[in-house]
N, C-alpha and C. Protein backbone atom coordinates (compact mmCIF):
# COMPACT_ATOMS: atom_id res chain seq x y z
N MET A 1 8.33 -33.83 2.24
CA MET A 1 9.40 -33.10 2.96
C MET A 1 9.63 -31.43 1.91
N VAL A 2 9.16 -31.71 0.72
CA VAL A 2 8.37 -31.10 -0.51
C VAL A 2 7.84 -30.16 -0.41
N LYS A 3 6.77 -30.49 -0.14
CA LYS A 3 5.16 -29.67 0.44
C LYS A 3 5.86 -28.81 1.61
N ALA A 4 6.73 -29.60 2.68
CA ALA A 4 6.39 -29.07 4.02
C ALA A 4 7.25 -27.73 3.74
N SER A 5 8.11 -27.76 2.88
CA SER A 5 9.45 -26.56 2.13
C SER A 5 8.73 -25.59 1.73
N LYS A 6 7.17 -26.02 1.05
CA LYS A 6 6.55 -25.30 -0.10
C LYS A 6 5.58 -24.49 0.79
N ALA A 7 4.83 -25.05 2.14
CA ALA A 7 4.15 -24.10 2.97
C ALA A 7 5.13 -23.32 3.93
N ILE A 8 6.25 -23.45 4.34
CA ILE A 8 7.02 -22.08 5.12
C ILE A 8 6.80 -21.28 3.98
N LYS A 9 7.85 -21.23 2.83
CA LYS A 9 7.94 -20.46 1.93
C LYS A 9 6.49 -19.54 1.24
N ALA A 10 5.41 -20.07 1.93
CA ALA A 10 3.89 -19.41 1.85
C ALA A 10 3.83 -18.77 2.86
N VAL A 11 4.10 -19.03 4.54
CA VAL A 11 3.64 -18.58 5.63
C VAL A 11 4.94 -17.51 5.28
N LYS A 12 6.28 -17.78 5.32
CA LYS A 12 6.95 -16.85 5.20
C LYS A 12 6.72 -15.07 4.30
N SER A 13 6.06 -15.88 2.66
CA SER A 13 5.65 -14.75 1.70
C SER A 13 4.86 -14.12 2.91
N VAL A 14 3.44 -14.57 3.58
CA VAL A 14 2.20 -14.09 3.60
C VAL A 14 2.84 -13.50 4.94
N ASN A 15 3.53 -13.53 5.97
CA ASN A 15 4.14 -12.46 6.77
C ASN A 15 5.06 -11.59 6.78
N ALA A 16 5.81 -12.15 5.67
CA ALA A 16 6.14 -10.52 4.87
C ALA A 16 5.58 -9.67 4.42
N THR A 17 4.43 -9.93 3.48
CA THR A 17 3.57 -9.18 2.63
C THR A 17 2.46 -7.99 4.28
N ASP A 18 2.32 -9.21 5.30
CA ASP A 18 1.43 -8.48 6.12
C ASP A 18 2.58 -7.35 6.75
N GLN A 19 3.32 -7.43 7.16
CA GLN A 19 4.97 -6.99 8.16
C GLN A 19 4.96 -5.60 7.26
N LEU A 20 5.40 -5.77 6.20
CA LEU A 20 5.16 -4.39 5.31
C LEU A 20 4.09 -3.40 5.00
N THR A 21 2.93 -4.48 4.89
CA THR A 21 1.39 -3.49 5.02
C THR A 21 1.59 -2.80 6.34
N GLU A 22 1.68 -3.52 7.46
CA GLU A 22 1.76 -2.59 8.79
C GLU A 22 2.71 -1.55 8.81
N THR A 23 4.09 -1.13 8.40
CA THR A 23 4.90 -0.78 8.35
C THR A 23 4.41 0.43 7.33
N VAL A 24 3.68 0.39 6.17
CA VAL A 24 3.56 0.98 4.92
C VAL A 24 2.27 1.86 5.62
N VAL A 25 1.04 1.29 6.73
CA VAL A 25 0.17 1.78 6.92
C VAL A 25 0.54 2.69 8.31
N LYS A 26 1.74 2.53 9.09
CA LYS A 26 2.38 2.89 9.76
C LYS A 26 3.03 4.16 9.56
N ALA A 27 3.43 4.65 8.46
CA ALA A 27 4.22 5.77 7.65
C ALA A 27 3.03 6.61 7.21
N LEU A 28 2.19 6.23 6.39
CA LEU A 28 0.97 6.84 6.18
C LEU A 28 0.32 7.80 7.15
N GLN A 29 0.11 6.64 8.70
CA GLN A 29 -0.50 7.26 9.44
C GLN A 29 0.34 8.55 10.28
N GLU A 30 1.63 8.60 10.07
CA GLU A 30 2.78 9.89 10.80
C GLU A 30 2.31 10.78 9.96
N ILE A 31 1.72 11.23 8.88
CA ILE A 31 1.74 12.53 8.16
C ILE A 31 0.41 12.52 7.99
N LYS A 32 -0.43 11.86 8.82
CA LYS A 32 -1.89 12.09 8.71
C LYS A 32 -2.79 11.64 7.43
N GLY A 33 -2.47 10.22 6.74
CA GLY A 33 -3.23 9.95 5.37
C GLY A 33 -4.53 9.85 6.08
N HIS A 34 -5.07 9.93 4.76
CA HIS A 34 -6.84 10.00 5.06
C HIS A 34 -7.37 8.72 5.01
N ASP A 35 -8.20 8.28 5.28
CA ASP A 35 -9.37 7.19 4.49
C ASP A 35 -7.87 5.89 4.37
N ILE A 36 -7.05 5.76 5.09
CA ILE A 36 -6.13 4.43 4.82
C ILE A 36 -7.16 2.78 5.07
N THR A 37 -6.81 2.84 3.39
CA THR A 37 -7.36 0.92 3.24
C THR A 37 -6.63 0.09 2.65
N CYS A 38 -6.64 -1.15 3.41
CA CYS A 38 -5.74 -2.17 2.73
C CYS A 38 -6.90 -3.13 2.06
N LEU A 39 -6.44 -3.43 1.05
CA LEU A 39 -7.20 -4.74 0.09
C LEU A 39 -6.26 -5.57 -0.19
N ASP A 40 -6.64 -6.26 0.46
CA ASP A 40 -6.00 -8.07 0.52
C ASP A 40 -6.55 -8.75 -0.96
N MET A 41 -5.39 -9.06 -1.87
CA MET A 41 -5.30 -9.11 -3.09
C MET A 41 -5.17 -10.81 -3.19
N ARG A 42 -4.35 -11.12 -2.06
CA ARG A 42 -4.57 -12.91 -2.35
C ARG A 42 -5.24 -13.71 -2.94
N GLU A 43 -5.99 -13.68 -2.81
CA GLU A 43 -7.18 -14.46 -3.39
C GLU A 43 -8.07 -14.11 -4.94
N ILE A 44 -7.41 -12.90 -5.54
CA ILE A 44 -8.10 -13.00 -6.60
C ILE A 44 -7.03 -12.93 -7.32
N LYS A 45 -7.24 -14.09 -8.57
CA LYS A 45 -6.19 -14.46 -9.46
C LYS A 45 -5.87 -13.46 -10.29
N SER A 46 -6.52 -12.48 -10.87
CA SER A 46 -5.64 -11.73 -11.56
C SER A 46 -4.84 -10.54 -11.33
N ALA A 47 -4.94 -10.61 -9.82
CA ALA A 47 -4.41 -9.57 -8.78
C ALA A 47 -3.09 -9.49 -9.34
N VAL A 48 -2.46 -8.01 -9.22
CA VAL A 48 -1.22 -7.39 -9.79
C VAL A 48 0.16 -7.74 -8.50
N ALA A 49 -0.88 -7.89 -7.24
CA ALA A 49 -0.03 -7.65 -6.13
C ALA A 49 -0.89 -8.24 -5.06
N ASP A 50 -0.28 -8.80 -3.64
CA ASP A 50 -0.86 -9.44 -2.73
C ASP A 50 -1.55 -8.55 -1.61
N MET A 51 -1.37 -7.34 -1.99
CA MET A 51 -1.85 -5.89 -1.10
C MET A 51 -1.86 -4.40 -1.76
N PHE A 52 -3.05 -4.13 -1.94
CA PHE A 52 -3.01 -2.68 -2.41
C PHE A 52 -3.53 -1.75 -1.08
N VAL A 53 -2.34 -0.77 -0.62
CA VAL A 53 -3.32 -0.02 0.66
C VAL A 53 -3.23 1.17 -0.81
N VAL A 54 -4.34 2.31 0.17
CA VAL A 54 -4.82 2.96 -0.71
C VAL A 54 -4.74 4.39 0.46
N CYS A 55 -5.01 5.29 0.18
CA CYS A 55 -5.38 6.42 1.06
C CYS A 55 -4.94 8.11 0.49
N HIS A 56 -5.56 9.08 0.68
CA HIS A 56 -5.33 10.34 0.12
C HIS A 56 -5.08 11.26 1.23
N GLY A 57 -4.65 12.54 0.47
CA GLY A 57 -3.78 13.84 0.90
C GLY A 57 -4.90 14.67 1.07
N ASP A 58 -4.65 16.16 1.65
CA ASP A 58 -5.71 17.13 1.46
C ASP A 58 -4.73 18.31 0.48
N SER A 59 -3.74 17.44 0.02
CA SER A 59 -3.10 18.77 -0.97
C SER A 59 -2.04 18.02 -1.72
N GLN A 60 -1.38 18.42 -2.40
CA GLN A 60 -0.23 18.06 -3.51
C GLN A 60 1.10 17.91 -2.31
N PRO A 61 1.43 18.92 -1.53
CA PRO A 61 2.44 18.52 -0.72
C PRO A 61 2.33 17.61 0.33
N GLN A 62 0.67 17.31 0.72
CA GLN A 62 0.90 16.01 1.92
C GLN A 62 1.35 14.85 1.28
N VAL A 63 0.42 14.89 -0.10
CA VAL A 63 0.69 13.38 -0.86
C VAL A 63 2.31 13.31 -1.33
N GLU A 64 3.03 14.11 -1.83
CA GLU A 64 4.24 13.92 -1.44
C GLU A 64 4.59 13.76 -0.23
N ALA A 65 4.55 14.31 0.70
CA ALA A 65 4.92 13.77 2.10
C ALA A 65 4.50 12.48 1.95
N LEU A 66 3.39 12.02 2.25
CA LEU A 66 2.68 10.44 2.34
C LEU A 66 3.86 9.99 1.89
N ALA A 67 4.16 10.05 0.53
CA ALA A 67 5.11 8.90 -0.23
C ALA A 67 6.25 9.00 0.14
N ARG A 68 7.13 10.30 0.46
CA ARG A 68 8.34 9.95 1.21
C ARG A 68 8.39 9.47 2.54
N SER A 69 7.34 10.16 3.28
CA SER A 69 7.22 9.20 4.49
C SER A 69 7.54 7.30 4.25
N VAL A 70 6.25 6.71 3.26
CA VAL A 70 6.58 5.74 2.90
C VAL A 70 7.70 4.98 2.56
N GLU A 71 8.62 6.09 1.79
CA GLU A 71 9.99 5.13 1.45
C GLU A 71 11.17 5.28 2.60
N GLU A 72 11.01 6.04 3.33
CA GLU A 72 11.69 6.50 4.40
C GLU A 72 11.51 5.34 5.92
N ILE A 73 10.46 5.17 5.76
CA ILE A 73 9.95 4.81 7.15
C ILE A 73 9.76 2.94 6.39
N VAL A 74 9.65 2.45 5.27
CA VAL A 74 9.83 1.23 5.01
C VAL A 74 11.22 1.04 5.00
N TYR A 75 12.26 1.75 4.27
CA TYR A 75 13.72 1.27 4.25
C TYR A 75 14.45 1.51 5.53
N LYS A 76 13.88 2.20 6.45
CA LYS A 76 14.77 2.05 7.61
C LYS A 76 14.35 1.01 8.53
N GLU A 77 13.34 0.48 8.61
CA GLU A 77 12.78 -0.65 9.40
C GLU A 77 12.45 -1.67 8.75
N ARG A 78 12.54 -1.86 7.18
CA ARG A 78 12.59 -3.44 6.50
C ARG A 78 14.04 -3.40 5.25
N LYS A 79 14.78 -2.57 5.01
CA LYS A 79 15.68 -2.10 3.93
C LYS A 79 15.11 -2.53 2.57
N GLU A 80 14.20 -1.87 2.45
CA GLU A 80 13.62 -2.01 1.01
C GLU A 80 13.12 -0.72 0.47
N ASP A 81 13.22 -0.80 -1.11
CA ASP A 81 13.14 0.40 -1.76
C ASP A 81 11.88 -0.04 -2.54
N PRO A 82 11.08 0.42 -3.00
CA PRO A 82 10.06 0.55 -4.54
C PRO A 82 10.73 0.22 -5.27
N LEU A 83 10.40 -0.66 -5.80
CA LEU A 83 10.87 -1.59 -7.14
C LEU A 83 10.06 -0.24 -8.45
N HIS A 84 9.27 -0.07 -8.02
CA HIS A 84 8.92 1.37 -8.93
C HIS A 84 8.50 2.39 -8.49
N ARG A 85 8.61 3.70 -9.00
CA ARG A 85 7.33 4.82 -8.12
C ARG A 85 6.84 5.66 -9.31
N GLU A 86 5.91 6.21 -9.04
CA GLU A 86 5.54 7.03 -10.13
C GLU A 86 4.59 7.97 -9.81
N GLY A 87 4.53 9.15 -10.46
CA GLY A 87 3.50 10.08 -10.08
C GLY A 87 3.59 11.08 -8.88
N PHE A 88 5.29 11.54 -9.37
CA PHE A 88 5.71 12.65 -8.02
C PHE A 88 5.35 14.07 -8.79
N GLU A 89 5.36 13.58 -10.30
CA GLU A 89 5.72 15.05 -11.20
C GLU A 89 4.56 15.96 -10.74
N ASN A 90 2.95 15.32 -10.39
CA ASN A 90 2.03 16.46 -10.62
C ASN A 90 1.60 15.82 -8.84
N ALA A 91 1.72 14.77 -8.27
CA ALA A 91 1.13 14.34 -6.95
C ALA A 91 -0.37 14.52 -6.71
N GLN A 92 -0.61 13.94 -7.76
CA GLN A 92 -1.84 13.62 -8.03
C GLN A 92 -2.53 12.30 -7.64
N TRP A 93 -1.57 11.60 -7.90
CA TRP A 93 -1.82 10.02 -7.81
C TRP A 93 -0.16 9.34 -7.28
N ILE A 94 0.48 9.44 -6.29
CA ILE A 94 1.96 8.63 -6.36
C ILE A 94 1.67 6.97 -6.58
N LEU A 95 2.09 5.93 -6.99
CA LEU A 95 2.16 4.74 -6.84
C LEU A 95 3.53 4.30 -6.40
N LEU A 96 3.75 3.66 -5.32
CA LEU A 96 4.73 2.98 -4.90
C LEU A 96 4.84 1.15 -4.83
N ASP A 97 5.45 0.97 -5.71
CA ASP A 97 5.32 -0.73 -5.90
C ASP A 97 6.34 -1.43 -5.35
N TYR A 98 5.99 -1.92 -4.05
CA TYR A 98 7.10 -2.90 -3.49
C TYR A 98 6.70 -4.22 -4.08
N PHE A 99 6.68 -4.58 -5.00
CA PHE A 99 6.01 -5.90 -5.73
C PHE A 99 5.11 -6.82 -5.15
N ASN A 100 4.97 -7.01 -3.75
CA ASN A 100 3.75 -7.81 -3.20
C ASN A 100 2.85 -6.96 -2.98
N VAL A 101 3.54 -5.38 -2.34
CA VAL A 101 2.52 -4.63 -1.91
C VAL A 101 2.73 -3.54 -2.59
N VAL A 102 1.53 -2.81 -3.05
CA VAL A 102 1.40 -1.65 -4.17
C VAL A 102 0.56 -0.79 -2.89
N VAL A 103 1.26 0.65 -2.98
CA VAL A 103 0.82 1.73 -2.35
C VAL A 103 0.64 2.93 -3.14
N HIS A 104 -0.97 3.10 -3.26
CA HIS A 104 -1.42 4.17 -4.29
C HIS A 104 -1.98 5.40 -3.06
N ILE A 105 -1.13 6.60 -3.43
CA ILE A 105 -1.39 7.63 -2.46
C ILE A 105 -2.44 8.57 -3.70
N PHE A 106 -3.42 9.16 -3.20
CA PHE A 106 -3.86 10.01 -4.20
C PHE A 106 -4.52 11.15 -3.56
N GLN A 107 -4.66 12.13 -4.35
CA GLN A 107 -5.64 13.52 -4.07
C GLN A 107 -6.90 13.12 -3.83
N LYS A 108 -7.87 13.55 -3.06
CA LYS A 108 -9.15 13.54 -2.73
C LYS A 108 -9.97 12.98 -3.85
N ASP A 109 -9.93 14.19 -4.82
CA ASP A 109 -10.55 14.29 -6.02
C ASP A 109 -9.86 12.98 -7.25
N GLN A 110 -8.66 12.70 -7.36
CA GLN A 110 -8.89 11.91 -7.82
C GLN A 110 -8.88 10.45 -7.51
N ARG A 111 -8.88 9.98 -6.17
CA ARG A 111 -9.16 8.82 -5.69
C ARG A 111 -10.61 8.62 -5.63
N ASP A 112 -11.39 9.73 -6.07
CA ASP A 112 -12.83 9.40 -6.36
C ASP A 112 -13.09 8.99 -7.32
N TYR A 113 -11.88 9.89 -8.26
CA TYR A 113 -12.61 9.46 -9.68
C TYR A 113 -11.99 8.29 -10.21
N TYR A 114 -10.77 7.44 -9.56
CA TYR A 114 -10.48 6.55 -10.29
C TYR A 114 -10.89 5.07 -9.47
N GLY A 115 -11.57 5.44 -8.31
CA GLY A 115 -12.31 4.48 -7.48
C GLY A 115 -11.35 2.89 -7.50
N ILE A 116 -10.47 3.09 -7.00
CA ILE A 116 -9.41 1.85 -6.86
C ILE A 116 -10.62 0.90 -6.06
N GLU A 117 -11.01 1.22 -4.68
CA GLU A 117 -11.87 -0.12 -4.24
C GLU A 117 -13.26 -0.66 -5.20
N ARG A 118 -13.19 0.78 -5.80
CA ARG A 118 -14.63 -0.15 -6.50
C ARG A 118 -14.17 -0.88 -7.41
N LEU A 119 -13.04 -0.70 -8.09
CA LEU A 119 -12.32 -1.44 -9.17
C LEU A 119 -11.67 -2.93 -8.59
N TRP A 120 -11.46 -2.86 -7.25
CA TRP A 120 -11.48 -4.22 -6.54
C TRP A 120 -12.35 -4.67 -5.41
N ALA A 121 -13.51 -4.58 -5.51
CA ALA A 121 -14.82 -4.51 -4.53
C ALA A 121 -14.74 -6.22 -4.05
N ASP A 122 -13.66 -6.42 -4.92
CA ASP A 122 -14.15 -8.44 -4.54
C ASP A 122 -12.61 -8.90 -3.35
N ALA A 123 -12.05 -7.80 -3.44
CA ALA A 123 -10.85 -7.88 -2.33
C ALA A 123 -11.14 -7.79 -1.10
N THR A 124 -10.57 -8.60 0.05
CA THR A 124 -11.06 -8.61 1.46
C THR A 124 -10.28 -6.86 1.69
N THR A 125 -11.34 -6.37 2.46
CA THR A 125 -11.11 -4.73 2.87
C THR A 125 -10.66 -4.73 4.05
N ARG A 126 -9.98 -3.97 4.27
CA ARG A 126 -9.47 -3.40 5.93
C ARG A 126 -10.05 -2.03 6.07
N HIS A 127 -10.41 -1.16 6.69
CA HIS A 127 -10.41 0.23 6.63
C HIS A 127 -9.53 0.58 8.11
N ILE A 128 -8.41 1.28 7.89
CA ILE A 128 -7.50 1.76 9.49
C ILE A 128 -8.39 2.62 9.65
N LYS A 129 -8.64 2.96 11.51
CA LYS A 129 -9.38 3.79 11.50
C LYS A 129 -8.18 5.34 11.99
N ASP A 130 -8.56 6.33 11.35
CA ASP A 130 -7.47 7.37 11.41
C ASP A 130 -6.65 7.70 12.62
N ASN A 131 -6.10 8.31 13.43
CA ASN A 131 -5.50 8.25 14.15
C ASN A 131 -4.81 9.83 14.78
N TYR A 132 -5.99 10.35 14.30
CA TYR A 132 -5.76 11.76 14.69
C TYR A 132 -7.09 12.71 14.82
């Protein structure tokens, strides 16, 4: 009975992570985030989260708008606020930490420079097709 309980909790956790990820993707698409990429980190022992969602905007105002869209839509649909948020001061790289899901929103040059996708190249990667 204990094993079944642990399995149910694991399934709920995976589903919650996937559902939150899809909500984040939807919020980024609303503000036309570019090259949205989901990095599934669940099989990586040293990972700090289950999922990274990465995208970039064309300008400081768009990066800020993308982050605000994520915060608003995630709260509206899932009643969750980020545990930690940083980068709003200059909006070069905004990070929203929802514990299991961490959202990285860059300006293009910063995304290229830091190379999150290269750093975590062993993660299972899913590229989201731009919807515009």
